[in-house]
Amino acid sequence: MSMKKRILAAVAFVFMLVIMMAVYWKIGFSDYKYFSMVFKKYTDSSPSDFVK
């Protein structure tokens, strides 16, 4: 994988994390790990896997 593709993948990943943080905070969770655990319990996938 070229360096440019790696950087673009990193940017996409960071953007996705920022969006997930905004979502979990907005719906009333203050801890991302707890939100991720609850999300996985109800969807059978982690938030990042769900986005993919």
N, C-alpha and C. Protein backbone atom coordinates (compact mmCIF):
# COMPACT_ATOMS: atom_id res chain seq x y z
N MET A 1 0.85 -1.17 0.00
CA MET A 1 0.00 0.00 0.00
C MET A 1 0.90 1.24 0.00
N SER A 2 0.59 2.17 -0.85
CA SER A 2 1.42 3.37 -0.94
C SER A 2 1.21 4.26 0.29
N MET A 3 2.16 5.13 0.51
CA MET A 3 2.08 6.03 1.67
C MET A 3 0.84 6.92 1.58
N LYS A 4 0.51 7.38 0.38
CA LYS A 4 -0.67 8.24 0.21
C LYS A 4 -1.93 7.48 0.61
N LYS A 5 -2.05 6.23 0.20
CA LYS A 5 -3.22 5.43 0.56
C LYS A 5 -3.28 5.19 2.06
N ARG A 6 -2.13 5.00 2.68
CA ARG A 6 -2.09 4.81 4.14
C ARG A 6 -2.58 6.06 4.86
N ILE A 7 -2.11 7.20 4.41
CA ILE A 7 -2.51 8.46 5.05
C ILE A 7 -4.00 8.70 4.84
N LEU A 8 -4.49 8.46 3.65
CA LEU A 8 -5.93 8.64 3.39
C LEU A 8 -6.76 7.68 4.24
N ALA A 9 -6.29 6.45 4.42
CA ALA A 9 -6.99 5.49 5.29
C ALA A 9 -6.98 5.99 6.73
N ALA A 10 -5.86 6.55 7.17
CA ALA A 10 -5.77 7.08 8.53
C ALA A 10 -6.73 8.25 8.72
N VAL A 11 -6.80 9.13 7.74
CA VAL A 11 -7.71 10.27 7.82
C VAL A 11 -9.15 9.78 7.90
N ALA A 12 -9.51 8.81 7.10
CA ALA A 12 -10.87 8.26 7.13
C ALA A 12 -11.17 7.64 8.49
N PHE A 13 -10.20 6.93 9.05
CA PHE A 13 -10.38 6.30 10.35
C PHE A 13 -10.58 7.34 11.44
N VAL A 14 -9.76 8.38 11.44
CA VAL A 14 -9.89 9.44 12.44
C VAL A 14 -11.24 10.13 12.29
N PHE A 15 -11.65 10.42 11.08
CA PHE A 15 -12.95 11.05 10.83
C PHE A 15 -14.07 10.17 11.38
N MET A 16 -13.99 8.86 11.13
CA MET A 16 -15.00 7.93 11.62
C MET A 16 -15.05 7.94 13.15
N LEU A 17 -13.89 7.96 13.79
CA LEU A 17 -13.84 7.98 15.26
C LEU A 17 -14.45 9.26 15.82
N VAL A 18 -14.17 10.38 15.17
CA VAL A 18 -14.73 11.65 15.62
C VAL A 18 -16.25 11.62 15.53
N ILE A 19 -16.77 11.08 14.44
CA ILE A 19 -18.22 10.98 14.28
C ILE A 19 -18.83 10.06 15.34
N MET A 20 -18.19 8.91 15.57
CA MET A 20 -18.70 7.98 16.59
C MET A 20 -18.69 8.63 17.97
N MET A 21 -17.63 9.39 18.26
CA MET A 21 -17.57 10.07 19.56
C MET A 21 -18.72 11.06 19.70
N ALA A 22 -19.00 11.80 18.65
CA ALA A 22 -20.09 12.76 18.69
C ALA A 22 -21.42 12.04 18.90
N VAL A 23 -21.59 10.90 18.26
CA VAL A 23 -22.84 10.14 18.38
C VAL A 23 -23.01 9.62 19.79
N TYR A 24 -22.01 8.93 20.32
CA TYR A 24 -22.21 8.34 21.64
C TYR A 24 -22.40 9.42 22.71
N TRP A 25 -21.72 10.54 22.56
CA TRP A 25 -21.88 11.62 23.53
C TRP A 25 -23.28 12.23 23.42
N LYS A 26 -23.75 12.41 22.19
CA LYS A 26 -25.05 13.04 21.96
C LYS A 26 -26.21 12.19 22.48
N ILE A 27 -26.07 10.86 22.43
CA ILE A 27 -27.17 10.01 22.89
C ILE A 27 -27.08 9.66 24.37
N GLY A 28 -26.12 10.25 25.07
CA GLY A 28 -26.10 10.14 26.51
C GLY A 28 -25.05 9.24 27.13
N PHE A 29 -24.13 8.69 26.34
CA PHE A 29 -23.04 7.89 26.89
C PHE A 29 -21.84 8.80 27.13
N SER A 30 -21.20 8.62 28.28
CA SER A 30 -20.01 9.43 28.54
C SER A 30 -18.73 8.62 28.41
N ASP A 31 -18.87 7.32 28.21
CA ASP A 31 -17.70 6.44 28.10
C ASP A 31 -17.79 5.65 26.79
N TYR A 32 -16.80 5.85 25.90
CA TYR A 32 -16.84 5.18 24.60
C TYR A 32 -16.76 3.67 24.73
N LYS A 33 -15.95 3.18 25.66
CA LYS A 33 -15.83 1.72 25.81
C LYS A 33 -17.16 1.10 26.20
N TYR A 34 -17.87 1.75 27.11
CA TYR A 34 -19.19 1.25 27.51
C TYR A 34 -20.17 1.32 26.34
N PHE A 35 -20.17 2.44 25.62
CA PHE A 35 -21.02 2.57 24.44
C PHE A 35 -20.73 1.47 23.43
N SER A 36 -19.45 1.22 23.19
CA SER A 36 -19.06 0.19 22.23
C SER A 36 -19.56 -1.19 22.67
N MET A 37 -19.46 -1.48 23.96
CA MET A 37 -19.92 -2.76 24.48
C MET A 37 -21.44 -2.91 24.30
N VAL A 38 -22.18 -1.87 24.63
CA VAL A 38 -23.63 -1.92 24.48
C VAL A 38 -24.02 -2.01 23.01
N PHE A 39 -23.34 -1.24 22.17
CA PHE A 39 -23.60 -1.26 20.73
C PHE A 39 -23.40 -2.67 20.18
N LYS A 40 -22.30 -3.30 20.58
CA LYS A 40 -22.01 -4.65 20.10
C LYS A 40 -23.04 -5.65 20.60
N LYS A 41 -23.51 -5.47 21.80
CA LYS A 41 -24.52 -6.36 22.37
C LYS A 41 -25.80 -6.36 21.52
N TYR A 42 -26.19 -5.20 21.03
CA TYR A 42 -27.44 -5.09 20.29
C TYR A 42 -27.30 -5.23 18.78
N THR A 43 -26.09 -5.07 18.24
CA THR A 43 -25.92 -5.16 16.80
C THR A 43 -25.02 -6.31 16.36
N ASP A 44 -24.40 -6.99 17.31
CA ASP A 44 -23.44 -8.07 17.03
C ASP A 44 -22.21 -7.61 16.25
N SER A 45 -21.91 -6.31 16.29
CA SER A 45 -20.68 -5.81 15.69
C SER A 45 -20.26 -4.54 16.42
N SER A 46 -18.98 -4.26 16.38
CA SER A 46 -18.48 -3.02 17.00
C SER A 46 -18.91 -1.84 16.15
N PRO A 47 -18.91 -0.64 16.73
CA PRO A 47 -19.28 0.53 15.92
C PRO A 47 -18.42 0.69 14.68
N SER A 48 -17.09 0.45 14.80
CA SER A 48 -16.24 0.63 13.62
C SER A 48 -16.51 -0.46 12.57
N ASP A 49 -16.78 -1.69 13.00
CA ASP A 49 -17.13 -2.74 12.03
C ASP A 49 -18.48 -2.45 11.38
N PHE A 50 -19.39 -1.91 12.14
CA PHE A 50 -20.72 -1.58 11.62
C PHE A 50 -20.63 -0.53 10.51
N VAL A 51 -19.74 0.44 10.68
CA VAL A 51 -19.57 1.50 9.68
C VAL A 51 -19.02 0.93 8.38
N LYS A 52 -18.12 -0.05 8.51
CA LYS A 52 -17.51 -0.64 7.32
C LYS A 52 -18.57 -1.36 6.53
